[in-house]
C-alpha atoms as a PDB file:
ATOM      1  CA  MET A   1     -46.030 -50.817   6.488  1.00  0.00           C
ATOM      2  CA  LYS A   2     -43.872 -49.134   9.146  1.00  0.00           C
ATOM      3  CA  LYS A   3     -41.200 -48.427   6.512  1.00  0.00           C
ATOM      4  CA  LYS A   4     -43.837 -46.868   4.237  1.00  0.00           C
ATOM      5  CA  LEU A   5     -45.099 -44.619   7.018  1.00  0.00           C
ATOM      6  CA  LEU A   6     -41.544 -43.598   7.915  1.00  0.00           C
ATOM      7  CA  PHE A   7     -40.861 -42.737   4.289  1.00  0.00           C
ATOM      8  CA  ILE A   8     -44.012 -40.601   4.085  1.00  0.00           C
ATOM      9  CA  ALA A   9     -43.042 -38.747   7.268  1.00  0.00           C
ATOM     10  CA  MET A  10     -39.555 -38.070   5.869  1.00  0.00           C
ATOM     11  CA  PHE A  11     -41.041 -36.812   2.620  1.00  0.00           C
ATOM     12  CA  VAL A  12     -43.446 -34.440   4.350  1.00  0.00           C
ATOM     13  CA  ALA A  13     -40.530 -33.037   6.381  1.00  0.00           C
ATOM     14  CA  SER A  14     -38.620 -32.450   3.149  1.00  0.00           C
ATOM     15  CA  VAL A  15     -41.554 -30.450   1.745  1.00  0.00           C
ATOM     16  CA  PHE A  16     -41.264 -28.019   4.659  1.00  0.00           C
ATOM     17  CA  THR A  17     -37.469 -27.706   4.414  1.00  0.00           C
ATOM     18  CA  ALA A  18     -36.877 -27.703   0.648  1.00  0.00           C
ATOM     19  CA  ASN A  19     -37.962 -24.124   0.132  1.00  0.00           C
ATOM     20  CA  ALA A  20     -35.776 -23.005   3.048  1.00  0.00           C
ATOM     21  CA  GLN A  21     -32.588 -23.963   1.235  1.00  0.00           C
ATOM     22  CA  ASN A  22     -32.026 -20.551  -0.271  1.00  0.00           C
ATOM     23  CA  ASP A  23     -33.729 -18.483   2.455  1.00  0.00           C
ATOM     24  CA  GLU A  24     -32.055 -16.814   5.410  1.00  0.00           C
ATOM     25  CA  VAL A  25     -32.994 -18.270   8.785  1.00  0.00           C
ATOM     26  CA  ASN A  26     -32.521 -16.017  11.813  1.00  0.00           C
ATOM     27  CA  ASN A  27     -33.788 -15.730  15.390  1.00  0.00           C
ATOM     28  CA  GLN A  28     -37.098 -14.200  14.315  1.00  0.00           C
ATOM     29  CA  THR A  29     -37.657 -16.919  11.688  1.00  0.00           C
ATOM     30  CA  VAL A  30     -37.481 -19.575  14.408  1.00  0.00           C
ATOM     31  CA  LEU A  31     -39.985 -17.700  16.593  1.00  0.00           C
ATOM     32  CA  ASP A  32     -42.334 -17.216  13.626  1.00  0.00           C
ATOM     33  CA  LEU A  33     -42.237 -20.926  12.720  1.00  0.00           C
ATOM     34  CA  LEU A  34     -42.988 -21.877  16.328  1.00  0.00           C
ATOM     35  CA  LYS A  35     -45.978 -19.528  16.398  1.00  0.00           C
ATOM     36  CA  GLU A  36     -47.203 -21.037  13.113  1.00  0.00           C
ATOM     37  CA  GLY A  37     -47.283 -24.467  14.738  1.00  0.00           C
ATOM     38  CA  PHE A  38     -44.255 -26.198  13.203  1.00  0.00           C
ATOM     39  CA  SER A  39     -42.611 -28.898  15.308  1.00  0.00           C
ATOM     40  CA  SER A  40     -39.052 -28.797  16.646  1.00  0.00           C
ATOM     41  CA  GLU A  41     -38.006 -31.451  14.114  1.00  0.00           C
ATOM     42  CA  GLU A  42     -39.392 -29.419  11.206  1.00  0.00           C
ATOM     43  CA  ILE A  43     -37.721 -26.212  12.407  1.00  0.00           C
ATOM     44  CA  ILE A  44     -34.374 -27.965  12.879  1.00  0.00           C
ATOM     45  CA  GLY A  45     -34.718 -29.277   9.312  1.00  0.00           C
ATOM     46  CA  ALA A  46     -35.368 -25.765   8.008  1.00  0.00           C
ATOM     47  CA  ILE A  47     -32.305 -24.427   9.836  1.00  0.00           C
ATOM     48  CA  GLU A  48     -30.042 -27.199   8.574  1.00  0.00           C
ATOM     49  CA  ASN A  49     -31.187 -26.842   4.967  1.00  0.00           C
ATOM     50  CA  SER A  50     -30.839 -23.073   4.895  1.00  0.00           C
ATOM     51  CA  THR A  51     -27.782 -21.843   3.007  1.00  0.00           C
ATOM     52  CA  THR A  52     -27.683 -18.693   5.142  1.00  0.00           C
ATOM     53  CA  ARG A  53     -28.409 -18.580   8.837  1.00  0.00           C
ATOM     54  CA  THR A  54     -27.823 -15.951  11.493  1.00  0.00           C
ATOM     55  CA  ILE A  55     -28.579 -17.498  14.857  1.00  0.00           C
ATOM     56  CA  THR A  56     -27.501 -15.928  18.138  1.00  0.00           C
ATOM     57  CA  PHE A  57     -28.339 -17.031  21.661  1.00  0.00           C
ATOM     58  CA  ASN A  58     -28.678 -15.349  25.035  1.00  0.00           C
ATOM     59  CA  ILE A  59     -30.944 -15.587  28.093  1.00  0.00           C
ATOM     60  CA  ASN A  60     -33.495 -13.164  26.660  1.00  0.00           C
ATOM     61  CA  TYR A  61     -33.822 -15.221  23.450  1.00  0.00           C
ATOM     62  CA  MET A  62     -34.090 -18.393  25.534  1.00  0.00           C
ATOM     63  CA  ARG A  63     -37.115 -16.859  27.292  1.00  0.00           C
ATOM     64  CA  GLN A  64     -38.633 -15.851  23.925  1.00  0.00           C
ATOM     65  CA  LEU A  65     -38.279 -19.415  22.665  1.00  0.00           C
ATOM     66  CA  LYS A  66     -39.939 -20.797  25.792  1.00  0.00           C
ATOM     67  CA  ALA A  67     -42.831 -18.336  25.469  1.00  0.00           C
ATOM     68  CA  ALA A  68     -43.301 -19.348  21.824  1.00  0.00           C
ATOM     69  CA  GLY A  69     -43.551 -23.032  22.769  1.00  0.00           C
ATOM     70  CA  ALA A  70     -40.033 -24.370  22.097  1.00  0.00           C
ATOM     71  CA  ASP A  71     -39.158 -27.657  23.780  1.00  0.00           C
ATOM     72  CA  ALA A  72     -35.771 -28.576  25.264  1.00  0.00           C
ATOM     73  CA  SER A  73     -34.539 -30.326  22.093  1.00  0.00           C
ATOM     74  CA  LEU A  74     -34.955 -27.193  19.979  1.00  0.00           C
ATOM     75  CA  THR A  75     -33.491 -24.864  22.617  1.00  0.00           C
ATOM     76  CA  SER A  76     -30.435 -27.104  23.068  1.00  0.00           C
ATOM     77  CA  TYR A  77     -29.949 -27.395  19.304  1.00  0.00           C
ATOM     78  CA  ILE A  78     -30.054 -23.615  18.829  1.00  0.00           C
ATOM     79  CA  GLN A  79     -27.536 -23.156  21.657  1.00  0.00           C
ATOM     80  CA  LYS A  80     -25.165 -25.538  19.889  1.00  0.00           C
ATOM     81  CA  ILE A  81     -25.325 -24.002  16.416  1.00  0.00           C
ATOM     82  CA  ALA A  82     -25.118 -20.456  17.790  1.00  0.00           C
ATOM     83  CA  LYS A  83     -21.863 -21.414  19.495  1.00  0.00           C
ATOM     84  CA  VAL A  84     -20.561 -22.940  16.265  1.00  0.00           C
ATOM     85  CA  ASP A  85     -21.549 -19.984  14.073  1.00  0.00           C
ATOM     86  CA  ASN A  86     -20.101 -17.420  16.460  1.00  0.00           C
ATOM     87  CA  GLY A  87     -16.961 -19.528  16.726  1.00  0.00           C
ATOM     88  CA  TYR A  88     -16.341 -19.191  12.996  1.00  0.00           C
ATOM     89  CA  GLU A  89     -16.407 -22.901  12.190  1.00  0.00           C
ATOM     90  CA  GLY A  90     -16.503 -23.442   8.412  1.00  0.00           C
ATOM     91  CA  VAL A  91     -15.035 -21.115   5.729  1.00  0.00           C
ATOM     92  CA  ILE A  92     -14.283 -17.534   6.736  1.00  0.00           C
ATOM     93  CA  LEU A  93     -13.296 -14.457   4.705  1.00  0.00           C
ATOM     94  CA  TRP A  94     -10.562 -13.220   7.027  1.00  0.00           C
ATOM     95  CA  ASN A  95      -9.928  -9.774   5.481  1.00  0.00           C
ATOM     96  CA  PRO A  96     -13.275  -8.185   4.517  1.00  0.00           C
ATOM     97  CA  VAL A  97     -13.078  -5.252   2.101  1.00  0.00           C
ATOM     98  CA  ASP A  98     -14.578  -2.852   4.625  1.00  0.00           C
ATOM     99  CA  GLY A  99     -12.029  -3.781   7.270  1.00  0.00           C
ATOM    100  CA  GLY A 100     -14.673  -5.269   9.558  1.00  0.00           C
ATOM    101  CA  LYS A 101     -14.511  -8.507  11.500  1.00  0.00           C
ATOM    102  CA  PRO A 102     -14.097 -11.830   9.624  1.00  0.00           C
ATOM    103  CA  THR A 103     -17.188 -12.918   7.705  1.00  0.00           C
ATOM    104  CA  LYS A 104     -18.531 -16.439   7.511  1.00  0.00           C
ATOM    105  CA  ILE A 105     -19.159 -17.741   3.980  1.00  0.00           C
ATOM    106  CA  TYR A 106     -22.280 -19.876   3.898  1.00  0.00           C
ATOM    107  CA  ARG A 107     -22.499 -22.702   1.429  1.00  0.00           C
ATOM    108  CA  CYS A 108     -24.247 -22.320  -1.908  1.00  0.00           C
ATOM    109  CA  ASN A 109     -26.362 -25.266  -3.040  1.00  0.00           C
ATOM    110  CA  PHE A 110     -26.071 -26.239  -6.680  1.00  0.00           C
ATOM    111  CA  GLU A 111     -29.213 -26.842  -8.685  1.00  0.00           C
ATOM    112  CA  LYS A 112     -29.919 -28.629 -11.922  1.00  0.00           C
ATOM    113  CA  GLU A 113     -29.951 -26.240 -14.843  1.00  0.00           C
ATOM    114  CA  LYS A 114     -32.823 -28.193 -16.365  1.00  0.00           C
ATOM    115  CA  LYS A 115     -36.018 -26.251 -15.740  1.00  0.00           C
ATOM    116  CA  GLY A 116     -39.416 -27.456 -14.665  1.00  0.00           C
ATOM    117  CA  PHE A 117     -38.515 -29.887 -11.887  1.00  0.00           C
ATOM    118  CA  ASN A 118     -41.705 -30.300  -9.972  1.00  0.00           C
ATOM    119  CA  LEU A 119     -42.368 -31.468  -6.404  1.00  0.00           C
ATOM    120  CA  ALA A 120     -45.466 -33.417  -7.406  1.00  0.00           C
ATOM    121  CA  THR A 121     -43.404 -35.305 -10.002  1.00  0.00           C
ATOM    122  CA  ALA A 122     -40.761 -36.191  -7.437  1.00  0.00           C
ATOM    123  CA  ALA A 123     -43.445 -37.257  -4.981  1.00  0.00           C
ATOM    124  CA  ALA A 124     -45.133 -39.470  -7.556  1.00  0.00           C
ATOM    125  CA  ILE A 125     -41.849 -41.162  -8.450  1.00  0.00           C
ATOM    126  CA  GLY A 126     -40.852 -41.732  -4.859  1.00  0.00           C
ATOM    127  CA  LEU A 127     -44.224 -42.787  -3.472  1.00  0.00           C
ATOM    128  CA  ALA A 128     -44.847 -45.093  -6.414  1.00  0.00           C
ATOM    129  CA  ALA A 129     -41.537 -46.802  -5.656  1.00  0.00           C
ATOM    130  CA  TYR A 130     -42.899 -47.541  -2.179  1.00  0.00           C
ATOM    131  CA  GLY A 131     -46.261 -48.695  -3.461  1.00  0.00           C
ATOM    132  CA  VAL A 132     -48.401 -45.872  -2.070  1.00  0.00           C
ATOM    133  CA  GLY A 133     -50.462 -43.151  -3.712  1.00  0.00           C
ATOM    134  CA  SER A 134     -49.445 -39.523  -3.994  1.00  0.00           C
ATOM    135  CA  ALA A 135     -51.536 -36.854  -2.323  1.00  0.00           C
ATOM    136  CA  VAL A 136     -48.925 -34.108  -2.433  1.00  0.00           C
ATOM    137  CA  SER A 137     -49.962 -30.798  -3.954  1.00  0.00           C
ATOM    138  CA  ASP A 138     -48.274 -29.440  -7.074  1.00  0.00           C
ATOM    139  CA  ARG A 139     -45.717 -27.002  -5.643  1.00  0.00           C
ATOM    140  CA  ASN A 140     -42.638 -26.024  -7.620  1.00  0.00           C
ATOM    141  CA  ILE A 141     -39.401 -25.952  -5.696  1.00  0.00           C
ATOM    142  CA  SER A 142     -36.043 -24.572  -6.737  1.00  0.00           C
ATOM    143  CA  GLY A 143     -33.803 -27.369  -7.975  1.00  0.00           C
ATOM    144  CA  GLY A 144     -35.656 -29.969  -5.936  1.00  0.00           C
ATOM    145  CA  GLU A 145     -32.598 -31.563  -4.303  1.00  0.00           C
ATOM    146  CA  ALA A 146     -34.224 -32.379  -0.972  1.00  0.00           C
ATOM    147  CA  ALA A 147     -37.392 -33.727  -2.547  1.00  0.00           C
ATOM    148  CA  ALA A 148     -35.431 -35.725  -5.110  1.00  0.00           C
ATOM    149  CA  VAL A 149     -33.402 -37.429  -2.392  1.00  0.00           C
ATOM    150  CA  THR A 150     -36.357 -38.304  -0.191  1.00  0.00           C
ATOM    151  CA  ALA A 151     -38.599 -39.285  -3.068  1.00  0.00           C
ATOM    152  CA  GLY A 152     -36.003 -41.496  -4.691  1.00  0.00           C
ATOM    153  CA  ALA A 153     -35.769 -39.452  -7.895  1.00  0.00           C
ATOM    154  CA  GLY A 154     -32.027 -39.976  -8.263  1.00  0.00           C
ATOM    155  CA  LEU A 155     -28.728 -38.235  -7.535  1.00  0.00           C
ATOM    156  CA  MET A 156     -27.633 -34.904  -8.947  1.00  0.00           C
ATOM    157  CA  MET A 157     -24.174 -36.233  -9.787  1.00  0.00           C
ATOM    158  CA  THR A 158     -23.743 -39.755 -11.112  1.00  0.00           C
ATOM    159  CA  SER A 159     -20.839 -39.012 -13.458  1.00  0.00           C
ATOM    160  CA  GLY A 160     -18.440 -36.227 -14.359  1.00  0.00           C
ATOM    161  CA  LYS A 161     -20.741 -35.111 -17.166  1.00  0.00           C
ATOM    162  CA  ASP A 162     -23.372 -34.011 -14.646  1.00  0.00           C
ATOM    163  CA  ILE A 163     -21.137 -31.146 -13.572  1.00  0.00           C
ATOM    164  CA  GLN A 164     -22.073 -29.267 -16.748  1.00  0.00           C
ATOM    165  CA  LYS A 165     -25.782 -29.558 -15.899  1.00  0.00           C
ATOM    166  CA  MET A 166     -25.471 -27.804 -12.558  1.00  0.00           C
ATOM    167  CA  MET A 167     -25.651 -24.134 -11.681  1.00  0.00           C
ATOM    168  CA  ILE A 168     -25.591 -21.652  -8.820  1.00  0.00           C
ATOM    169  CA  PRO A 169     -28.652 -19.381  -9.072  1.00  0.00           C
ATOM    170  CA  GLY A 170     -27.900 -15.686  -9.464  1.00  0.00           C
ATOM    171  CA  SER A 171     -25.112 -13.946 -11.320  1.00  0.00           C
ATOM    172  CA  LYS A 172     -23.243 -12.793  -8.184  1.00  0.00           C
ATOM    173  CA  ALA A 173     -22.289 -14.259  -4.818  1.00  0.00           C
ATOM    174  CA  LYS A 174     -23.402 -12.593  -1.605  1.00  0.00           C
ATOM    175  CA  THR A 175     -19.826 -12.358  -0.307  1.00  0.00           C
ATOM    176  CA  LYS A 176     -17.671  -9.657  -1.969  1.00  0.00           C
ATOM    177  CA  THR A 177     -13.872  -9.640  -1.678  1.00  0.00           C
ATOM    178  CA  SER A 178     -10.827  -7.716  -2.815  1.00  0.00           C
ATOM    179  CA  ARG A 179      -8.467  -9.136  -5.436  1.00  0.00           C
ATOM    180  CA  GLN A 180      -6.244 -10.682  -2.760  1.00  0.00           C
ATOM    181  CA  PRO A 181      -8.588 -12.253  -0.246  1.00  0.00           C
ATOM    182  CA  VAL A 182      -7.479 -14.293   2.743  1.00  0.00           C
ATOM    183  CA  PHE A 183      -9.624 -17.224   3.848  1.00  0.00           C
ATOM    184  CA  ARG A 184      -9.523 -19.454   6.876  1.00  0.00           C
ATOM    185  CA  PHE A 185     -10.936 -22.969   6.842  1.00  0.00           C
ATOM    186  CA  TYR A 186     -11.984 -24.317  10.248  1.00  0.00           C
ATOM    187  CA  PHE A 187     -12.611 -28.030  10.789  1.00  0.00           C
ATOM    188  CA  ASN A 188     -13.680 -28.879  14.322  1.00  0.00           C
ATOM    189  CA  LYS A 189     -12.240 -32.352  14.837  1.00  0.00           C
ATOM    190  CA  VAL A 190     -11.557 -32.099  18.572  1.00  0.00           C
ATOM    191  CA  ASP A 191     -14.874 -33.191  20.064  1.00  0.00           C
ATOM    192  CA  ASN A 192     -16.925 -33.563  16.866  1.00  0.00           C
ATOM    193  CA  ALA A 193     -19.544 -31.287  18.383  1.00  0.00           C
ATOM    194  CA  SER A 194     -21.080 -30.013  15.172  1.00  0.00           C
ATOM    195  CA  PHE A 195     -20.133 -31.798  11.940  1.00  0.00           C
ATOM    196  CA  ASN A 196     -21.876 -35.076  12.715  1.00  0.00           C
ATOM    197  CA  SER A 197     -24.773 -37.201  11.517  1.00  0.00           C
ATOM    198  CA  GLU A 198     -27.044 -36.563  14.500  1.00  0.00           C
ATOM    199  CA  HIS A 199     -29.739 -35.016  12.332  1.00  0.00           C
ATOM    200  CA  ALA A 200     -28.751 -36.793   9.066  1.00  0.00           C
ATOM    201  CA  ASN A 201     -27.702 -33.509   7.459  1.00  0.00           C
ATOM    202  CA  TRP A 202     -25.990 -34.014   4.079  1.00  0.00           C
ATOM    203  CA  TYR A 203     -23.687 -31.016   4.508  1.00  0.00           C
ATOM    204  CA  GLU A 204     -22.374 -32.142   7.884  1.00  0.00           C
ATOM    205  CA  MET A 205     -21.803 -35.691   6.651  1.00  0.00           C
ATOM    206  CA  VAL A 206     -19.613 -34.364   3.836  1.00  0.00           C
ATOM    207  CA  MET A 207     -17.735 -31.835   5.973  1.00  0.00           C
ATOM    208  CA  ASN A 208     -16.978 -34.435   8.628  1.00  0.00           C
ATOM    209  CA  ASP A 209     -14.866 -36.334   6.056  1.00  0.00           C
ATOM    210  CA  ILE A 210     -12.829 -33.297   4.941  1.00  0.00           C
ATOM    211  CA  GLN A 211      -9.501 -32.692   6.636  1.00  0.00           C
ATOM    212  CA  SER A 212      -7.913 -29.816   4.688  1.00  0.00           C
ATOM    213  CA  PRO A 213      -8.608 -27.050   2.126  1.00  0.00           C
ATOM    214  CA  ASN A 214      -6.413 -29.140  -0.177  1.00  0.00           C
ATOM    215  CA  GLU A 215      -9.529 -31.258  -0.781  1.00  0.00           C
ATOM    216  CA  PHE A 216     -11.150 -28.292  -2.550  1.00  0.00           C
ATOM    217  CA  GLN A 217     -10.440 -26.644  -5.896  1.00  0.00           C
ATOM    218  CA  LEU A 218     -11.119 -22.992  -6.590  1.00  0.00           C
ATOM    219  CA  ILE A 219     -12.944 -22.507  -9.884  1.00  0.00           C
ATOM    220  CA  LYS A 220     -13.688 -19.262 -11.690  1.00  0.00           C
ATOM    221  CA  MET A 221     -17.321 -19.625 -12.730  1.00  0.00           C
ATOM    222  CA  GLN A 222     -18.877 -18.712 -16.061  1.00  0.00           C
ATOM    223  CA  VAL A 223     -21.690 -16.166 -15.638  1.00  0.00           C
ATOM    224  CA  LYS A 224     -24.800 -16.213 -17.804  1.00  0.00           C
ATOM    225  CA  GLU A 225     -27.083 -13.236 -17.360  1.00  0.00           C
ATOM    226  CA  ASN A 226     -30.836 -13.374 -17.862  1.00  0.00           C
ATOM    227  CA  LYS A 227     -33.979 -11.528 -16.791  1.00  0.00           C
ATOM    228  CA  LYS A 228     -34.369 -13.753 -13.734  1.00  0.00           C
ATOM    229  CA  GLY A 229     -31.013 -12.773 -12.226  1.00  0.00           C
ATOM    230  CA  GLY A 230     -28.638 -15.034 -14.109  1.00  0.00           C
ATOM    231  CA  ARG A 231     -26.748 -18.155 -13.112  1.00  0.00           C
ATOM    232  CA  ARG A 232     -23.193 -19.343 -12.591  1.00  0.00           C
ATOM    233  CA  LEU A 233     -21.871 -22.437 -14.382  1.00  0.00           C
ATOM    234  CA  PHE A 234     -18.656 -24.426 -14.501  1.00  0.00           C
ATOM    235  CA  PRO A 235     -16.590 -23.607 -17.625  1.00  0.00           C
ATOM    236  CA  SER A 236     -17.127 -26.080 -20.462  1.00  0.00           C
ATOM    237  CA  SER A 237     -13.359 -26.309 -21.053  1.00  0.00           C
ATOM    238  CA  MET A 238     -12.921 -28.450 -17.925  1.00  0.00           C
ATOM    239  CA  SER A 239     -13.785 -32.040 -17.080  1.00  0.00           C
ATOM    240  CA  TYR A 240     -14.578 -33.485 -13.660  1.00  0.00           C
ATOM    241  CA  THR A 241     -13.575 -36.961 -12.472  1.00  0.00           C
ATOM    242  CA  VAL A 242     -13.058 -38.765  -9.150  1.00  0.00           C
ATOM    243  CA  ALA A 243      -9.771 -36.823  -8.919  1.00  0.00           C
ATOM    244  CA  GLY A 244     -11.437 -33.424  -9.341  1.00  0.00           C
ATOM    245  CA  PHE A 245     -11.300 -30.884 -12.151  1.00  0.00           C
ATOM    246  CA  SER A 246      -8.794 -31.096 -14.995  1.00  0.00           C
ATOM    247  CA  GLY A 247      -8.487 -29.330 -18.320  1.00  0.00           C
ATOM    248  CA  SER A 248      -6.334 -28.119 -21.176  1.00  0.00           C
ATOM    249  CA  ASN A 249      -4.081 -25.052 -21.123  1.00  0.00           C
ATOM    250  CA  ALA A 250      -7.086 -22.975 -22.148  1.00  0.00           C
ATOM    251  CA  SER A 251      -8.805 -23.742 -18.846  1.00  0.00           C
ATOM    252  CA  THR A 252      -5.926 -23.033 -16.472  1.00  0.00           C
ATOM    253  CA  ARG A 253      -7.193 -19.492 -15.889  1.00  0.00           C
ATOM    254  CA  GLU A 254     -10.410 -20.986 -14.492  1.00  0.00           C
ATOM    255  CA  MET A 255      -8.672 -23.373 -12.055  1.00  0.00           C
ATOM    256  CA  ILE A 256      -7.047 -21.139  -9.471  1.00  0.00           C
ATOM    257  CA  ASN A 257      -4.079 -22.270  -7.407  1.00  0.00           C
ATOM    258  CA  PHE A 258      -3.904 -21.223  -3.773  1.00  0.00           C
ATOM    259  CA  GLU A 259      -1.456 -21.570  -0.924  1.00  0.00           C
ATOM    260  CA  ILE A 260      -2.302 -23.293   2.359  1.00  0.00           C
ATOM    261  CA  ASN A 261      -0.726 -22.317   5.660  1.00  0.00           C
ATOM    262  CA  PRO A 262      -1.696 -24.614   8.584  1.00  0.00           C
ATOM    263  CA  ILE A 263      -2.467 -22.591  11.710  1.00  0.00           C
ATOM    264  CA  ASN A 264      -3.079 -25.712  13.812  1.00  0.00           C
ATOM    265  CA  ASN A 265      -4.574 -29.183  13.293  1.00  0.00           C
ATOM    266  CA  ASN A 266      -8.037 -27.737  12.704  1.00  0.00           C
ATOM    267  CA  THR A 267      -7.361 -24.342  11.117  1.00  0.00           C
ATOM    268  CA  PHE A 268      -5.841 -23.472   7.740  1.00  0.00           C
ATOM    269  CA  GLU A 269      -5.213 -20.125   6.069  1.00  0.00           C
ATOM    270  CA  VAL A 270      -5.688 -19.882   2.292  1.00  0.00           C
ATOM    271  CA  THR A 271      -3.980 -17.109   0.316  1.00  0.00           C
ATOM    272  CA  PHE A 272      -3.045 -16.329  -3.302  1.00  0.00           C
ATOM    273  CA  SER A 273       0.386 -15.486  -4.709  1.00  0.00           C
ATOM    274  CA  GLN A 274      -1.176 -13.329  -7.453  1.00  0.00           C
ATOM    275  CA  PRO A 275      -4.221 -11.031  -7.347  1.00  0.00           C
ATOM    276  CA  LEU A 276      -7.425 -12.686  -8.546  1.00  0.00           C
ATOM    277  CA  GLU A 277      -9.154 -11.374 -11.630  1.00  0.00           C
ATOM    278  CA  PRO A 278     -12.586  -9.789 -11.093  1.00  0.00           C
ATOM    279  CA  GLY A 279     -15.332 -12.365 -11.398  1.00  0.00           C
ATOM    280  CA  GLU A 280     -17.250 -15.135  -9.655  1.00  0.00           C
ATOM    281  CA  TYR A 281     -15.492 -17.976  -7.819  1.00  0.00           C
ATOM    282  CA  CYS A 282     -16.400 -21.160  -5.984  1.00  0.00           C
ATOM    283  CA  PHE A 283     -14.483 -23.560  -3.724  1.00  0.00           C
ATOM    284  CA  PHE A 284     -15.693 -27.018  -4.864  1.00  0.00           C
ATOM    285  CA  TYR A 285     -14.989 -30.433  -3.300  1.00  0.00           C
ATOM    286  CA  LYS A 286     -12.530 -32.484  -5.379  1.00  0.00           C
ATOM    287  CA  SER A 287     -13.817 -35.936  -4.433  1.00  0.00           C
ATOM    288  CA  GLY A 288     -17.505 -35.260  -4.914  1.00  0.00           C
ATOM    289  CA  LEU A 289     -18.033 -38.322  -7.124  1.00  0.00           C
ATOM    290  CA  GLN A 290     -16.755 -40.559  -4.320  1.00  0.00           C
ATOM    291  CA  ASN A 291     -19.073 -39.176  -1.652  1.00  0.00           C
ATOM    292  CA  LYS A 292     -22.697 -40.338  -1.845  1.00  0.00           C
ATOM    293  CA  TYR A 293     -23.930 -37.423   0.231  1.00  0.00           C
ATOM    294  CA  PHE A 294     -22.185 -34.853  -1.948  1.00  0.00           C
ATOM    295  CA  GLN A 295     -23.580 -36.549  -5.065  1.00  0.00           C
ATOM    296  CA  THR A 296     -27.048 -35.941  -3.654  1.00  0.00           C
ATOM    297  CA  GLN A 297     -26.667 -32.281  -2.716  1.00  0.00           C
ATOM    298  CA  PRO A 298     -23.514 -30.725  -4.245  1.00  0.00           C
ATOM    299  CA  PHE A 299     -22.488 -27.446  -2.635  1.00  0.00           C
ATOM    300  CA  GLY A 300     -19.641 -24.963  -2.686  1.00  0.00           C
ATOM    301  CA  PHE A 301     -18.402 -21.786  -1.031  1.00  0.00           C
ATOM    302  CA  ASP A 302     -18.838 -18.908  -3.463  1.00  0.00           C
ATOM    303  CA  PHE A 303     -17.582 -15.324  -3.533  1.00  0.00           C
ATOM    304  CA  SER A 304     -17.226 -12.366  -5.897  1.00  0.00           C
ATOM    305  CA  VAL A 305     -14.000 -10.493  -6.650  1.00  0.00           C
ATOM    306  CA  GLU A 306     -14.631  -6.892  -7.600  1.00  0.00           C
END
């Protein structure tokens, strides 16, 4: 019975965080959620599942959090991620087009191209597997990755063929670059202060295993426009295995080579010997089929070349 109750609690938390996956979370979002009565655990889940977050921290914001009802666990967590975000950990566009300071590239979550995935369906599958009834309302969610995981509805990637069933919503990435961008990949392996399993976050569990940009491939995505904003897909001319993407000569233009210059043990600069063609691109993890967390919630780092 305890396991059933724990499962239900995990599922309810996923309902609150699933819709946050493609929403920006900032300082005001956290204050608003506190005022609406959400717990620290639920707010932390929303922050971790957001693909875009802009969190800063200072004494004034600390006082605002306290006034809104934040407890010590939430305040300490926000201090930690603000330090990480401001410290550029992750993937950074080092030479923005406008000449400004380096810009962090937030991950893009892939979704199943199949339409009509429904939260109530996922809940019914998962709760039935645990022998309890479903009382979850019928709310559609985009892609449904978080609900599918918690409700036991299966992985997004079980074989290389699944790669052709996935998409990035929207026809363009948020990050725009020139034709010869410079990226820096930061992996904080010194004190393991951020990429860890403390909050059971899928993204952090994957990133903690990655040691170098060499574990990614850069793919030029195929864009399909539609009235709802379009979507980006992997080219059909490529196949995906435990070793990553491969393809015939016709697909070499979609698999982009890059050069890696180690700055130190944790920092790597990625450049290109030739200018990139205009289009949509995504850094994608080579060994995704060997990582159970990545199979559950595949992600990449996307950008547009204009």
